[in-house]
Protein backbone atom coordinates (compact mmCIF):
# COMPACT_ATOMS: atom_id res chain seq x y z
CA MET A 1 -17.72 -9.69 -12.45
CA ASN A 2 -19.59 -12.07 -10.18
CA LEU A 3 -17.44 -12.73 -7.13
CA SER A 4 -19.04 -16.13 -6.64
CA ASP A 5 -17.23 -17.14 -9.83
CA ASN A 6 -13.86 -16.09 -8.46
CA ARG A 7 -13.22 -18.01 -5.27
CA ALA A 8 -9.59 -16.90 -5.17
CA LEU A 9 -10.61 -13.38 -4.18
CA SER A 10 -11.13 -12.76 -0.45
CA THR A 11 -13.34 -9.77 0.40
CA GLU A 12 -14.52 -10.58 3.91
CA VAL A 13 -13.98 -7.69 6.28
CA PRO A 14 -12.21 -8.67 9.53
CA THR A 15 -14.53 -8.98 12.51
CA ALA A 16 -11.99 -9.84 15.22
CA GLY A 17 -8.52 -8.78 16.23
CA ARG A 18 -7.02 -12.08 15.15
CA TRP A 19 -5.05 -13.19 12.13
CA GLY A 20 -7.26 -14.31 9.26
CA PHE A 21 -5.28 -13.40 6.17
CA GLY A 22 -3.64 -15.65 3.59
CA GLY A 23 -4.50 -19.02 5.11
CA HIS A 24 -1.46 -19.01 7.43
CA LEU A 25 0.61 -16.51 9.38
CA TYR A 26 2.08 -13.94 6.99
CA GLY A 27 0.53 -15.68 4.02
CA LEU A 28 -0.43 -13.80 0.85
CA GLU A 29 -3.69 -13.20 -0.96
CA PRO A 30 -4.31 -12.21 -4.59
CA LEU A 31 -5.53 -8.68 -5.23
CA ALA A 32 -8.11 -7.80 -7.90
CA LEU A 33 -8.20 -4.25 -9.23
CA PRO A 34 -9.71 -2.64 -12.32
CA VAL A 35 -7.37 -1.00 -14.80
CA GLU A 36 -8.88 2.27 -13.54
CA LEU A 37 -11.33 2.45 -10.67
CA PRO A 38 -14.53 4.35 -11.50
CA GLY A 39 -15.87 6.86 -9.00
CA ARG A 40 -18.02 5.94 -6.05
CA SER A 41 -20.62 3.75 -7.65
CA GLY A 42 -24.29 3.23 -7.03
CA ASP A 43 -26.35 0.07 -7.37
CA ASP A 44 -27.01 0.98 -11.01
CA ASP A 45 -23.32 0.74 -11.83
CA PRO A 46 -22.74 -2.51 -13.76
CA ARG A 47 -19.41 -2.84 -12.01
CA HIS A 48 -21.07 -2.97 -8.60
CA ASP A 49 -20.43 -6.38 -7.05
CA ALA A 50 -23.65 -7.51 -5.42
CA ASP A 51 -21.94 -10.61 -4.03
CA ALA A 52 -19.33 -8.59 -2.16
CA GLY A 53 -21.65 -8.32 0.82
CA PRO A 54 -22.56 -5.28 2.92
CA PRO A 55 -20.23 -2.28 3.04
CA PRO A 56 -17.23 -2.59 5.36
CA GLY A 57 -17.31 -1.20 8.86
CA ALA A 58 -15.79 2.13 9.72
CA SER A 59 -13.03 0.87 12.01
CA LEU A 60 -10.44 -1.89 12.39
CA PRO A 61 -10.91 -4.56 15.08
CA ALA A 62 -8.67 -3.97 18.08
CA TYR A 63 -5.37 -5.80 18.44
CA ASP A 64 -5.56 -8.72 20.85
CA GLU A 65 -2.51 -8.55 23.11
CA ALA A 66 -2.68 -12.32 23.63
CA MET A 67 -1.62 -12.77 20.02
CA GLY A 68 1.82 -11.23 20.54
CA ALA A 69 3.73 -14.51 20.84
CA GLU A 70 1.78 -16.10 17.98
CA LEU A 71 2.56 -13.21 15.60
CA ALA A 72 6.28 -13.10 16.38
CA PRO A 73 8.54 -15.01 13.93
CA HIS A 74 10.24 -17.95 15.62
CA ASP A 75 13.04 -18.85 13.20
CA ASP A 76 14.93 -17.48 10.21
CA SER A 77 12.47 -18.82 7.65
CA GLU A 78 9.57 -17.13 9.43
CA VAL A 79 11.52 -13.86 9.59
CA GLU A 80 12.06 -14.03 5.84
CA ARG A 81 8.37 -14.80 5.26
CA LEU A 82 7.41 -11.82 7.43
CA PHE A 83 9.42 -9.42 5.30
CA TRP A 84 8.21 -10.99 2.03
CA PHE A 85 4.66 -10.53 3.32
CA ARG A 86 5.43 -6.90 4.11
CA TRP A 87 6.91 -6.32 0.66
CA ILE A 88 4.02 -7.87 -1.27
CA THR A 89 1.11 -6.80 0.94
CA GLY A 90 2.51 -3.31 1.46
CA HIS A 91 2.65 -2.86 -2.31
CA GLN A 92 -0.83 -4.29 -2.82
CA SER A 93 -2.21 -1.87 -0.24
CA THR A 94 -0.43 0.97 -2.03
CA PHE A 95 -2.01 0.02 -5.37
CA ALA A 96 -5.48 0.06 -3.79
CA LEU A 97 -4.73 3.36 -2.05
CA TRP A 98 -3.67 4.94 -5.33
CA GLN A 99 -6.91 3.84 -6.95
CA LEU A 100 -9.03 5.26 -4.12
CA LEU A 101 -6.99 8.47 -4.10
CA GLY A 102 -7.60 8.74 -7.84
CA THR A 103 -11.36 8.75 -7.27
CA VAL A 104 -10.93 11.53 -4.68
CA LEU A 105 -9.08 13.64 -7.23
CA ASP A 106 -11.81 12.97 -9.79
CA GLU A 107 -14.41 14.45 -7.40
CA ALA A 108 -12.59 17.79 -7.12
CA GLY A 109 -14.42 20.65 -8.81
CA ARG A 110 -17.77 18.91 -9.01
CA PRO A 111 -20.76 20.99 -7.86
CA GLY A 112 -21.50 20.71 -4.16
CA VAL A 113 -18.26 18.94 -3.30
CA ASP A 114 -16.41 20.13 -0.17
CA GLY A 115 -12.86 20.72 -1.40
CA ASP A 116 -11.43 20.89 2.12
CA GLU A 117 -12.98 17.53 3.00
CA LEU A 118 -11.51 16.01 -0.14
CA ALA A 119 -8.11 17.46 0.81
CA ARG A 120 -8.34 15.92 4.29
CA THR A 121 -9.27 12.55 2.80
CA ALA A 122 -6.42 12.77 0.30
CA ARG A 123 -4.01 13.77 3.08
CA CYS A 124 -4.87 10.64 5.08
CA MET A 125 -4.40 8.46 2.00
CA VAL A 126 -1.03 10.02 1.15
CA ARG A 127 0.04 9.60 4.78
CA ALA A 128 -0.98 5.94 4.67
CA TYR A 129 0.95 5.57 1.41
CA SER A 130 4.06 6.91 3.16
CA LEU A 131 3.58 4.34 5.90
CA MET A 132 3.24 1.57 3.31
CA LEU A 133 6.60 2.66 1.86
CA LEU A 134 8.18 2.39 5.31
CA TYR A 135 6.42 -0.90 6.07
CA ALA A 136 7.23 -2.66 2.80
CA SER A 137 10.89 -1.68 3.08
CA SER A 138 11.37 -2.31 6.81
CA SER A 139 13.79 -5.23 6.45
CA PRO A 140 17.50 -4.81 7.24
CA GLN A 141 19.64 -4.02 4.20
CA ASP A 142 21.26 -7.48 3.99
CA MET A 143 17.89 -9.21 4.21
CA TYR A 144 16.39 -6.81 1.67
CA GLU A 145 19.15 -7.82 -0.74
CA ARG A 146 18.65 -11.55 -0.24
CA VAL A 147 14.90 -11.88 0.36
CA ILE A 148 13.48 -9.08 -1.79
CA ARG A 149 15.90 -7.59 -4.29
CA ASP A 150 17.35 -10.87 -5.60
CA PRO A 151 13.92 -12.47 -6.26
CA MET A 152 12.76 -9.26 -7.96
CA ALA A 153 15.84 -9.33 -10.20
CA ARG A 154 15.11 -12.93 -11.14
CA GLN A 155 11.73 -11.80 -12.47
CA HIS A 156 13.34 -9.00 -14.47
CA PRO A 157 16.86 -7.54 -14.06
CA ASN A 158 15.54 -3.97 -14.45
CA LEU A 159 12.37 -4.20 -12.37
CA SER A 160 11.15 -0.67 -11.70
CA GLY A 161 8.41 1.01 -9.71
CA SER A 162 7.78 3.12 -12.80
CA TRP A 163 5.90 0.06 -14.13
CA ALA A 164 3.18 0.48 -11.46
CA ARG A 165 0.16 1.40 -13.55
CA ASP A 166 -1.96 2.90 -10.72
CA TYR A 167 0.54 5.61 -9.84
CA THR A 168 -0.01 7.56 -13.06
CA ARG A 169 -3.37 8.88 -11.91
CA VAL A 170 -2.03 10.34 -8.65
CA ARG A 171 1.47 11.40 -9.73
CA PRO A 172 0.53 15.09 -10.30
CA LEU A 173 -0.70 15.38 -6.71
CA ILE A 174 2.29 13.60 -5.13
CA ARG A 175 4.71 15.67 -7.21
CA GLY A 176 3.03 18.95 -6.23
CA LYS A 177 1.58 19.68 -9.67
CA THR A 178 -2.00 19.89 -8.44
CA SER A 179 -3.78 20.64 -5.17
CA LEU A 180 -7.12 20.32 -3.39
CA GLY A 181 -9.12 22.52 -1.05
CA GLY A 182 -8.64 25.98 0.38
CA GLU A 183 -5.31 27.45 1.39
CA ALA A 184 -4.94 25.76 4.79
CA ALA A 185 -6.18 22.32 3.70
CA ALA A 186 -4.10 22.47 0.52
CA ALA A 187 -0.99 23.39 2.52
CA ASP A 188 -1.49 20.41 4.87
CA LEU A 189 -1.88 18.08 1.89
CA ALA A 190 1.16 19.57 0.14
CA PHE A 191 3.25 18.98 3.27
CA GLU A 192 2.19 15.32 3.33
CA CYS A 193 3.13 14.93 -0.33
CA ASP A 194 6.53 16.51 0.28
CA LEU A 195 7.05 14.20 3.26
CA ASN A 196 6.19 11.25 1.03
CA GLU A 197 8.88 12.27 -1.47
CA ARG A 198 11.49 12.59 1.29
CA ILE A 199 10.54 9.19 2.71
CA HIS A 200 10.91 7.65 -0.74
CA LYS A 201 14.46 8.99 -0.97
CA GLY A 202 15.25 7.87 2.57
CA ILE A 203 14.09 4.33 1.90
CA ALA A 204 16.29 4.12 -1.17
CA ALA A 205 19.25 5.15 0.98
CA ARG A 206 18.27 2.66 3.67
CA VAL A 207 17.89 -0.51 1.61
CA VAL A 208 20.14 0.24 -1.37
CA PRO A 209 22.98 2.38 0.04
CA SER A 210 24.91 2.01 -3.22
CA GLY A 211 22.19 4.00 -4.95
CA VAL A 212 22.14 1.53 -7.86
CA SER A 213 18.56 0.40 -8.42
CA LEU A 214 17.63 -2.62 -10.53
CA LEU A 215 16.66 -0.22 -13.31
CA LEU A 216 20.19 1.23 -13.30
CA THR A 217 22.09 -2.03 -12.82
CA PRO A 218 25.17 -1.83 -15.07
CA GLY A 219 25.14 -4.01 -18.15
CA VAL A 220 21.43 -4.92 -18.15
CA ARG A 221 19.61 -1.61 -18.47
CA SER A 222 18.80 -2.12 -22.15
CA LYS A 223 16.76 -5.24 -21.34
CA THR A 224 13.63 -3.10 -20.73
CA ARG A 225 13.65 -2.10 -24.39
CA GLU A 226 12.94 -5.66 -25.45
CA LEU A 227 9.42 -5.65 -23.97
CA ARG A 228 6.48 -3.43 -24.71
CA ARG A 229 5.29 -1.02 -22.03
CA GLU A 230 2.04 -2.93 -21.50
CA THR A 231 4.01 -6.14 -21.00
CA LEU A 232 6.06 -4.47 -18.26
CA LEU A 233 2.87 -3.29 -16.53
CA TRP A 234 1.48 -6.84 -16.53
CA LEU A 235 4.80 -8.25 -15.33
CA TYR A 236 4.85 -5.81 -12.41
CA ASP A 237 1.26 -6.69 -11.46
CA GLY A 238 2.08 -10.38 -11.59
CA ILE A 239 5.01 -10.06 -9.21
CA PHE A 240 2.65 -8.51 -6.65
CA LEU A 241 -0.13 -11.09 -7.20
CA THR A 242 -2.39 -8.45 -8.73
CA THR A 243 -4.86 -9.13 -11.51
CA ARG A 244 -6.93 -6.62 -13.49
CA THR A 245 -10.67 -7.15 -13.71
CA PRO A 246 -13.68 -4.77 -13.47
CA VAL A 247 -14.41 -4.92 -9.74
CA SER A 248 -16.32 -2.19 -7.93
CA TYR A 249 -15.23 0.60 -5.61
CA GLU A 250 -16.68 -1.37 -2.66
CA THR A 251 -14.62 -4.46 -3.52
CA VAL A 252 -11.40 -2.45 -3.71
CA VAL A 253 -12.22 -0.97 -0.28
CA ARG A 254 -12.90 -4.38 1.24
CA GLN A 255 -9.64 -5.82 -0.08
CA LEU A 256 -7.73 -2.82 1.28
CA ILE A 257 -9.30 -3.17 4.73
CA ARG A 258 -8.34 -6.86 4.85
CA ARG A 259 -4.75 -5.86 4.19
CA ILE A 260 -4.49 -2.94 6.58
CA HIS A 261 -6.03 -5.08 9.31
CA ALA A 262 -3.30 -7.71 8.84
CA ILE A 263 -0.65 -4.97 8.70
CA HIS A 264 -2.11 -3.42 11.86
CA LEU A 265 -1.79 -6.76 13.69
CA ASP A 266 1.77 -7.27 12.48
CA VAL A 267 3.01 -3.81 13.48
CA SER A 268 1.16 -3.94 16.82
CA ALA A 269 2.93 -7.21 17.65
CA ASN A 270 6.35 -6.76 16.02
CA GLY A 271 6.82 -3.02 15.59
CA LEU A 272 7.73 -1.27 12.36
CA TYR A 273 11.30 -2.58 12.74
CA PRO A 274 11.03 -6.05 14.33
CA ALA A 275 13.50 -6.91 17.07
CA CYS A 276 14.08 -10.28 15.42
CA ALA A 277 15.91 -8.54 12.54
CA ARG A 278 17.45 -5.31 13.72
CA ASN A 279 19.20 -3.16 11.14
CA THR A 280 22.84 -2.66 12.14
CA ALA A 281 23.28 0.37 9.89
CA PRO A 282 22.17 3.79 11.16
CA GLU A 283 18.87 5.12 9.90
CA PRO A 284 19.35 7.58 7.00
CA ALA A 285 18.97 11.24 7.87
CA GLU A 286 15.85 11.50 5.70
CA LEU A 287 14.11 8.92 7.91
CA SER A 288 15.25 10.42 11.21
CA THR A 289 13.67 13.87 11.08
CA ASP A 290 11.03 14.85 13.64
CA ASP A 291 8.19 14.72 11.11
CA VAL A 292 9.14 11.22 9.94
CA LEU A 293 9.51 10.00 13.52
CA GLU A 294 6.06 11.41 14.26
CA LEU A 295 4.68 9.61 11.21
CA LYS A 296 6.20 6.29 12.33
CA ALA A 297 4.69 6.75 15.80
CA SER A 298 1.26 7.35 14.24
CA PHE A 299 1.25 4.03 12.35
CA THR A 300 -1.72 2.32 14.00
CA ASP A 301 -3.66 5.56 14.48
CA THR A 302 -3.31 6.38 10.78
CA LEU A 303 -4.48 2.90 9.77
CA HIS A 304 -7.55 3.32 11.98
CA GLU A 305 -8.23 6.72 10.45
CA LEU A 306 -7.86 5.31 6.95
CA ALA A 307 -10.25 2.43 7.68
CA ALA A 308 -12.79 4.90 9.06
CA ILE A 309 -12.54 7.09 5.96
CA VAL A 310 -12.69 4.41 3.26
CA GLY A 311 -15.10 2.14 5.14
CA ALA A 312 -17.63 4.81 6.08
CA PRO A 313 -21.04 4.76 4.34
CA ARG A 314 -20.98 6.77 1.12
CA ILE A 315 -23.57 9.31 0.07
């Protein structure tokens, strides 16, 4: 793929702590991912995108405190756009994270590879994935129902995260079926994966207290049987503005850094749970434990760590 032929795809790495994503505040951008990301490529890889520019930097630009008022939603429509941005961009970032995590898992067991270093990298990526779950689902329950769940149901009444094609590659790690590194590093990674599972359950309780997901909605469950599996995968990608094309490792990294920079600005200005839309219901027990509270407090630090890891020069 020659990026000069696809002007819809933005791969510029942020160079300032100001909003530059989506063309307007809390706008959206399309995401381009391969069906499966190959390992860390060299210049001889035909999927290497020469037009993507130099590799991204190893850190995110600092948040400019003067932007606080500009980044805060000013009316109900802007509040809704903020949470729609979080839902779409949080999912896009998760898809890219899963792809990068998949390449880390592929490196395990190769000669000369430091298993503990891979485990530490994977741990950061899983931790960032947990934060994306919290971020994407940070709206109050009533707003989640109106702004997110209802539009999803209009696309398909049984919309399900099980249609996310990139998760398959990393599922064994998240579910504790595989591990990386020596005993200590593997234990730290396993803890992060367990925390991720608990956060997933807590979010379900937070935004859908009835426990009835779209997949389990009474009277419409059989609708998924009318479409082929591959059709459901494409439908899910389309909802999250994601297209499949053979882009390189570097291009996936650059798109991820654009997104986590915008997310970093948003959370720095508005917090994980914006004051403009406070949730009146108590936080579920699963999201109120000390380890989850510590994770929430580490939001910006974890994003900086992730940018340093994925944006660092590769050997």
